[in-house]
C-alpha atoms as a PDB file:
ATOM      1  CA  MET A   1       1.112 147.429  55.369  1.00  0.00           C
ATOM      2  CA  THR A   2       4.855 147.852  55.952  1.00  0.00           C
ATOM      3  CA  LYS A   3       6.311 144.530  57.055  1.00  0.00           C
ATOM      4  CA  GLY A   4       8.722 144.093  59.961  1.00  0.00           C
ATOM      5  CA  LEU A   5      11.745 141.898  60.529  1.00  0.00           C
ATOM      6  CA  LEU A   6      13.330 140.138  63.470  1.00  0.00           C
ATOM      7  CA  PHE A   7      16.881 138.987  62.718  1.00  0.00           C
ATOM      8  CA  MET A   8      19.239 137.129  65.025  1.00  0.00           C
ATOM      9  CA  ALA A   9      22.782 135.976  64.294  1.00  0.00           C
ATOM     10  CA  LEU A  10      24.558 133.793  66.848  1.00  0.00           C
ATOM     11  CA  ASP A  11      27.865 131.947  66.954  1.00  0.00           C
ATOM     12  CA  PHE A  12      27.195 128.656  68.738  1.00  0.00           C
ATOM     13  CA  ALA A  13      30.819 127.406  68.657  1.00  0.00           C
ATOM     14  CA  THR A  14      30.891 127.140  72.461  1.00  0.00           C
ATOM     15  CA  ALA A  15      27.430 125.560  72.750  1.00  0.00           C
ATOM     16  CA  HIS A  16      26.364 121.959  72.171  1.00  0.00           C
ATOM     17  CA  GLU A  17      25.501 121.731  68.475  1.00  0.00           C
ATOM     18  CA  ASP A  18      22.785 119.085  68.794  1.00  0.00           C
ATOM     19  CA  GLU A  19      21.108 120.917  71.643  1.00  0.00           C
ATOM     20  CA  PHE A  20      21.325 124.230  69.798  1.00  0.00           C
ATOM     21  CA  HIS A  21      19.456 122.836  66.798  1.00  0.00           C
ATOM     22  CA  ASP A  22      16.962 120.943  68.948  1.00  0.00           C
ATOM     23  CA  TRP A  23      16.197 124.087  70.909  1.00  0.00           C
ATOM     24  CA  TYR A  24      15.639 126.135  67.749  1.00  0.00           C
ATOM     25  CA  ASP A  25      13.506 123.535  65.997  1.00  0.00           C
ATOM     26  CA  ARG A  26      11.525 122.195  68.928  1.00  0.00           C
ATOM     27  CA  GLU A  27      10.993 125.223  71.123  1.00  0.00           C
ATOM     28  CA  HIS A  28      12.242 128.588  69.911  1.00  0.00           C
ATOM     29  CA  ILE A  29      10.728 128.754  66.440  1.00  0.00           C
ATOM     30  CA  PRO A  30       7.415 127.108  67.414  1.00  0.00           C
ATOM     31  CA  GLU A  31       7.165 129.550  70.336  1.00  0.00           C
ATOM     32  CA  ARG A  32       7.596 132.554  68.082  1.00  0.00           C
ATOM     33  CA  MET A  33       5.394 131.244  65.320  1.00  0.00           C
ATOM     34  CA  GLY A  34       2.661 131.010  67.936  1.00  0.00           C
ATOM     35  CA  VAL A  35       2.774 134.809  68.319  1.00  0.00           C
ATOM     36  CA  PRO A  36       0.161 136.572  66.155  1.00  0.00           C
ATOM     37  CA  GLY A  37       1.898 138.592  63.441  1.00  0.00           C
ATOM     38  CA  PHE A  38       4.877 136.254  62.919  1.00  0.00           C
ATOM     39  CA  LEU A  39       4.570 135.275  59.248  1.00  0.00           C
ATOM     40  CA  ASN A  40       7.447 132.831  58.791  1.00  0.00           C
ATOM     41  CA  ALA A  41      10.756 131.660  60.204  1.00  0.00           C
ATOM     42  CA  GLU A  42      13.911 130.700  58.328  1.00  0.00           C
ATOM     43  CA  ARG A  43      17.224 129.312  59.529  1.00  0.00           C
ATOM     44  CA  TRP A  44      20.593 129.762  57.844  1.00  0.00           C
ATOM     45  CA  ILE A  45      24.196 128.571  58.384  1.00  0.00           C
ATOM     46  CA  ASP A  46      27.274 130.562  57.367  1.00  0.00           C
ATOM     47  CA  GLU A  47      28.950 128.969  54.380  1.00  0.00           C
ATOM     48  CA  GLN A  48      32.494 129.482  55.704  1.00  0.00           C
ATOM     49  CA  THR A  49      31.972 129.377  59.476  1.00  0.00           C
ATOM     50  CA  PRO A  50      29.321 126.703  60.117  1.00  0.00           C
ATOM     51  CA  THR A  51      28.900 127.671  63.771  1.00  0.00           C
ATOM     52  CA  ILE A  52      27.435 131.052  62.767  1.00  0.00           C
ATOM     53  CA  HIS A  53      23.668 130.792  62.552  1.00  0.00           C
ATOM     54  CA  VAL A  54      21.053 133.284  61.373  1.00  0.00           C
ATOM     55  CA  ALA A  55      17.322 133.182  62.011  1.00  0.00           C
ATOM     56  CA  THR A  56      14.980 135.541  60.173  1.00  0.00           C
ATOM     57  CA  TYR A  57      11.321 136.195  60.923  1.00  0.00           C
ATOM     58  CA  ASP A  58       9.044 138.279  58.722  1.00  0.00           C
ATOM     59  CA  LEU A  59       6.445 140.178  60.734  1.00  0.00           C
ATOM     60  CA  GLU A  60       3.085 141.634  59.816  1.00  0.00           C
ATOM     61  CA  SER A  61       4.466 144.932  61.144  1.00  0.00           C
ATOM     62  CA  PRO A  62       7.263 146.070  63.464  1.00  0.00           C
ATOM     63  CA  ALA A  63       4.642 146.548  66.186  1.00  0.00           C
ATOM     64  CA  VAL A  64       4.408 142.763  66.620  1.00  0.00           C
ATOM     65  CA  LEU A  65       7.562 142.925  68.749  1.00  0.00           C
ATOM     66  CA  SER A  66       5.794 145.262  71.178  1.00  0.00           C
ATOM     67  CA  SER A  67       2.731 143.044  71.536  1.00  0.00           C
ATOM     68  CA  PRO A  68       1.815 141.320  74.815  1.00  0.00           C
ATOM     69  CA  ALA A  69       1.991 137.942  73.066  1.00  0.00           C
ATOM     70  CA  TYR A  70       5.618 138.481  72.039  1.00  0.00           C
ATOM     71  CA  ARG A  71       6.629 139.972  75.374  1.00  0.00           C
ATOM     72  CA  ALA A  72       5.214 136.872  77.063  1.00  0.00           C
ATOM     73  CA  VAL A  73       7.968 134.749  75.462  1.00  0.00           C
ATOM     74  CA  ALA A  74      10.808 137.290  75.156  1.00  0.00           C
ATOM     75  CA  GLY A  75      13.117 139.267  77.406  1.00  0.00           C
ATOM     76  CA  ALA A  76      12.589 138.488  81.076  1.00  0.00           C
ATOM     77  CA  ASN A  77      10.008 135.859  80.095  1.00  0.00           C
ATOM     78  CA  GLN A  78      12.404 133.711  78.082  1.00  0.00           C
ATOM     79  CA  SER A  79      12.261 130.017  78.838  1.00  0.00           C
ATOM     80  CA  VAL A  80      14.879 128.242  80.937  1.00  0.00           C
ATOM     81  CA  TRP A  81      16.029 126.401  77.811  1.00  0.00           C
ATOM     82  CA  THR A  82      16.404 129.664  75.881  1.00  0.00           C
ATOM     83  CA  ARG A  83      18.513 131.231  78.614  1.00  0.00           C
ATOM     84  CA  ARG A  84      20.676 128.124  78.892  1.00  0.00           C
ATOM     85  CA  VAL A  85      21.429 127.863  75.191  1.00  0.00           C
ATOM     86  CA  THR A  86      21.893 131.557  74.458  1.00  0.00           C
ATOM     87  CA  ASP A  87      24.198 131.966  77.448  1.00  0.00           C
ATOM     88  CA  LEU A  88      26.502 129.487  75.728  1.00  0.00           C
ATOM     89  CA  CYS A  89      26.461 131.399  72.431  1.00  0.00           C
ATOM     90  CA  LYS A  90      28.077 134.620  71.243  1.00  0.00           C
ATOM     91  CA  ARG A  91      25.728 137.183  69.757  1.00  0.00           C
ATOM     92  CA  VAL A  92      26.809 138.426  66.341  1.00  0.00           C
ATOM     93  CA  MET A  93      23.858 140.776  65.803  1.00  0.00           C
ATOM     94  CA  ARG A  94      20.229 141.162  66.784  1.00  0.00           C
ATOM     95  CA  TYR A  95      18.073 143.428  64.634  1.00  0.00           C
ATOM     96  CA  GLU A  96      14.493 144.669  64.678  1.00  0.00           C
ATOM     97  CA  GLY A  97      13.449 146.597  61.591  1.00  0.00           C
ATOM     98  CA  GLU A  98      10.809 147.905  59.250  1.00  0.00           C
ATOM     99  CA  GLN A  99      10.942 147.125  55.557  1.00  0.00           C
ATOM    100  CA  LEU A 100      11.810 150.145  53.436  1.00  0.00           C
ATOM    101  CA  LEU A 101      11.807 148.401  50.041  1.00  0.00           C
ATOM    102  CA  PRO A 102       9.667 146.967  48.635  1.00  0.00           C
ATOM    103  CA  GLY A 103       7.742 147.492  51.886  1.00  0.00           C
ATOM    104  CA  ASP A 104       5.506 144.456  51.866  1.00  0.00           C
ATOM    105  CA  GLY A 105       7.837 141.680  50.680  1.00  0.00           C
ATOM    106  CA  VAL A 106       8.346 138.397  52.528  1.00  0.00           C
ATOM    107  CA  ALA A 107      10.757 135.491  52.238  1.00  0.00           C
ATOM    108  CA  VAL A 108      10.324 133.549  49.014  1.00  0.00           C
ATOM    109  CA  ASP A 109      10.269 129.855  48.204  1.00  0.00           C
ATOM    110  CA  GLY A 110      13.178 128.278  46.373  1.00  0.00           C
ATOM    111  CA  ALA A 111      16.009 130.207  48.028  1.00  0.00           C
ATOM    112  CA  ASN A 112      18.916 128.032  49.100  1.00  0.00           C
ATOM    113  CA  ALA A 113      21.210 130.899  50.055  1.00  0.00           C
ATOM    114  CA  LEU A 114      20.939 134.266  51.758  1.00  0.00           C
ATOM    115  CA  LEU A 115      23.278 137.251  51.583  1.00  0.00           C
ATOM    116  CA  VAL A 116      23.082 139.678  54.499  1.00  0.00           C
ATOM    117  CA  ALA A 117      24.521 143.210  54.348  1.00  0.00           C
ATOM    118  CA  SER A 118      24.187 145.477  57.369  1.00  0.00           C
ATOM    119  CA  MET A 119      25.867 148.771  58.169  1.00  0.00           C
ATOM    120  CA  ASN A 120      25.785 152.244  59.580  1.00  0.00           C
ATOM    121  CA  ILE A 121      26.420 155.368  57.531  1.00  0.00           C
ATOM    122  CA  ASP A 122      28.357 158.549  58.272  1.00  0.00           C
ATOM    123  CA  ALA A 123      26.403 160.647  60.745  1.00  0.00           C
ATOM    124  CA  ASP A 124      25.525 163.634  58.613  1.00  0.00           C
ATOM    125  CA  ALA A 125      22.359 164.466  56.737  1.00  0.00           C
ATOM    126  CA  GLU A 126      24.039 164.799  53.350  1.00  0.00           C
ATOM    127  CA  ALA A 127      25.662 161.360  53.563  1.00  0.00           C
ATOM    128  CA  GLU A 128      22.440 159.688  54.647  1.00  0.00           C
ATOM    129  CA  ALA A 129      20.403 161.386  51.926  1.00  0.00           C
ATOM    130  CA  GLU A 130      22.773 160.191  49.209  1.00  0.00           C
ATOM    131  CA  PHE A 131      22.986 156.737  50.808  1.00  0.00           C
ATOM    132  CA  THR A 132      19.205 156.439  50.666  1.00  0.00           C
ATOM    133  CA  GLU A 133      19.039 157.600  47.048  1.00  0.00           C
ATOM    134  CA  TRP A 134      21.848 155.229  46.022  1.00  0.00           C
ATOM    135  CA  TYR A 135      20.333 152.225  47.784  1.00  0.00           C
ATOM    136  CA  ASN A 136      16.780 152.853  46.591  1.00  0.00           C
ATOM    137  CA  THR A 137      17.384 153.896  43.001  1.00  0.00           C
ATOM    138  CA  GLU A 138      20.515 151.970  42.001  1.00  0.00           C
ATOM    139  CA  HIS A 139      21.937 149.407  44.411  1.00  0.00           C
ATOM    140  CA  LEU A 140      18.948 147.351  45.524  1.00  0.00           C
ATOM    141  CA  PRO A 141      17.223 147.354  42.094  1.00  0.00           C
ATOM    142  CA  ALA A 142      20.466 146.377  40.332  1.00  0.00           C
ATOM    143  CA  LEU A 143      21.220 143.486  42.677  1.00  0.00           C
ATOM    144  CA  GLY A 144      17.582 142.437  42.651  1.00  0.00           C
ATOM    145  CA  ALA A 145      17.744 142.103  38.864  1.00  0.00           C
ATOM    146  CA  VAL A 146      20.741 139.731  38.878  1.00  0.00           C
ATOM    147  CA  PRO A 147      19.756 136.279  37.585  1.00  0.00           C
ATOM    148  CA  GLY A 148      19.213 133.974  40.533  1.00  0.00           C
ATOM    149  CA  VAL A 149      18.240 136.724  42.987  1.00  0.00           C
ATOM    150  CA  LEU A 150      14.749 135.772  44.102  1.00  0.00           C
ATOM    151  CA  ALA A 151      14.107 138.697  46.451  1.00  0.00           C
ATOM    152  CA  ALA A 152      15.970 141.847  47.488  1.00  0.00           C
ATOM    153  CA  ARG A 153      14.739 143.777  50.518  1.00  0.00           C
ATOM    154  CA  ARG A 154      15.985 146.697  52.571  1.00  0.00           C
ATOM    155  CA  PHE A 155      15.246 147.517  56.226  1.00  0.00           C
ATOM    156  CA  SER A 156      15.745 150.310  58.739  1.00  0.00           C
ATOM    157  CA  ALA A 157      16.207 149.567  62.442  1.00  0.00           C
ATOM    158  CA  THR A 158      13.276 150.239  64.770  1.00  0.00           C
ATOM    159  CA  ASP A 159      15.206 149.325  67.926  1.00  0.00           C
ATOM    160  CA  THR A 160      17.242 152.304  69.158  1.00  0.00           C
ATOM    161  CA  GLY A 161      19.743 149.897  70.686  1.00  0.00           C
ATOM    162  CA  SER A 162      20.547 148.190  67.388  1.00  0.00           C
ATOM    163  CA  GLU A 163      24.233 147.894  66.502  1.00  0.00           C
ATOM    164  CA  ARG A 164      23.488 148.856  62.903  1.00  0.00           C
ATOM    165  CA  ARG A 165      20.734 150.984  61.390  1.00  0.00           C
ATOM    166  CA  PHE A 166      20.420 149.441  57.955  1.00  0.00           C
ATOM    167  CA  LEU A 167      20.130 145.865  56.743  1.00  0.00           C
ATOM    168  CA  ALA A 168      19.498 144.232  53.388  1.00  0.00           C
ATOM    169  CA  LEU A 169      18.508 140.628  52.721  1.00  0.00           C
ATOM    170  CA  TYR A 170      19.001 138.945  49.363  1.00  0.00           C
ATOM    171  CA  HIS A 171      17.336 135.560  48.875  1.00  0.00           C
ATOM    172  CA  LEU A 172      19.337 133.661  46.278  1.00  0.00           C
ATOM    173  CA  ARG A 173      18.744 130.539  44.217  1.00  0.00           C
ATOM    174  CA  ASP A 174      22.125 129.294  45.447  1.00  0.00           C
ATOM    175  CA  ALA A 175      25.409 130.600  46.833  1.00  0.00           C
ATOM    176  CA  ALA A 176      26.977 130.927  43.365  1.00  0.00           C
ATOM    177  CA  VAL A 177      24.656 133.817  42.490  1.00  0.00           C
ATOM    178  CA  SER A 178      26.534 136.325  44.662  1.00  0.00           C
ATOM    179  CA  ARG A 179      29.816 135.295  43.004  1.00  0.00           C
ATOM    180  CA  SER A 180      28.573 135.616  39.454  1.00  0.00           C
ATOM    181  CA  ASP A 181      29.856 138.170  36.948  1.00  0.00           C
ATOM    182  CA  ALA A 182      26.392 139.742  36.840  1.00  0.00           C
ATOM    183  CA  TRP A 183      26.427 140.261  40.616  1.00  0.00           C
ATOM    184  CA  ALA A 184      29.940 141.743  40.547  1.00  0.00           C
ATOM    185  CA  LYS A 185      28.927 144.194  37.810  1.00  0.00           C
ATOM    186  CA  ALA A 186      25.800 145.282  39.684  1.00  0.00           C
ATOM    187  CA  ALA A 187      27.625 145.605  43.009  1.00  0.00           C
ATOM    188  CA  ASP A 188      30.631 147.619  41.845  1.00  0.00           C
ATOM    189  CA  THR A 189      29.398 150.714  40.075  1.00  0.00           C
ATOM    190  CA  GLU A 190      31.017 154.149  40.212  1.00  0.00           C
ATOM    191  CA  TRP A 191      28.317 155.342  42.602  1.00  0.00           C
ATOM    192  CA  THR A 192      28.881 152.354  44.874  1.00  0.00           C
ATOM    193  CA  GLN A 193      32.596 153.077  44.955  1.00  0.00           C
ATOM    194  CA  ARG A 194      31.857 156.654  46.032  1.00  0.00           C
ATOM    195  CA  MET A 195      29.552 155.445  48.805  1.00  0.00           C
ATOM    196  CA  ARG A 196      31.783 152.757  50.339  1.00  0.00           C
ATOM    197  CA  PRO A 197      34.042 155.151  52.303  1.00  0.00           C
ATOM    198  CA  ARG A 198      30.908 156.349  54.123  1.00  0.00           C
ATOM    199  CA  PHE A 199      29.983 152.877  55.383  1.00  0.00           C
ATOM    200  CA  ARG A 200      30.581 152.111  59.055  1.00  0.00           C
ATOM    201  CA  ASP A 201      30.423 148.807  60.958  1.00  0.00           C
ATOM    202  CA  LEU A 202      29.828 146.808  57.791  1.00  0.00           C
ATOM    203  CA  LEU A 203      28.700 143.224  58.383  1.00  0.00           C
ATOM    204  CA  MET A 204      28.288 140.826  55.468  1.00  0.00           C
ATOM    205  CA  LEU A 205      27.207 137.219  55.865  1.00  0.00           C
ATOM    206  CA  ARG A 206      26.898 134.567  53.185  1.00  0.00           C
ATOM    207  CA  MET A 207      24.496 131.915  54.384  1.00  0.00           C
ATOM    208  CA  ASN A 208      23.180 128.574  53.179  1.00  0.00           C
ATOM    209  CA  ARG A 209      19.754 127.292  54.177  1.00  0.00           C
ATOM    210  CA  TYR A 210      19.824 125.139  57.290  1.00  0.00           C
ATOM    211  CA  ILE A 211      18.689 121.596  56.630  1.00  0.00           C
ATOM    212  CA  ARG A 212      18.097 119.419  59.651  1.00  0.00           C
ATOM    213  CA  ASN A 213      19.692 116.016  59.637  1.00  0.00           C
ATOM    214  CA  ALA A 214      17.341 113.142  60.310  1.00  0.00           C
END
């Protein structure tokens, strides 16, 4: 079955840091993990801007986000604590998607870093067709084969209101992997150089795993 993804990136610079983390750990993630179809939850902190936070949730399918159980804790049914904390934060991106490649992958153990790449593509059929071929046959497989890359996955948005249509997640052994010579070689091919001018609204985030202080 094709897996789904819920992705949320927030900047909590104007919130209370301790409360933000308490809310995520003590209410928000447990609430979502109580919804049937939520498979896992991971938290990440931007390596350069430590107030930027990413949460990722693998889903049994994209349909989980339309289920009564999820709707009971989302949208208009959010808790008072959720509304309070998120009102103090700036949204960077929220994304609902279905996994295109490999289709059934989930977050892997042992990853201490995450690279996020999300974008739109020029709005014409020819550009999108080549973009798909490039991503599926060269880009994702090449980056996935770099030593230290533990998982490479690609998603397409299922929410028509999403800021960006495409998103890729790379689970890495550590942050140095995406700065290695092998990564640079895989990421900068002739085909990639031809595709880059067609990217729109590119968002890249380099994240380290969130570790809660005692």
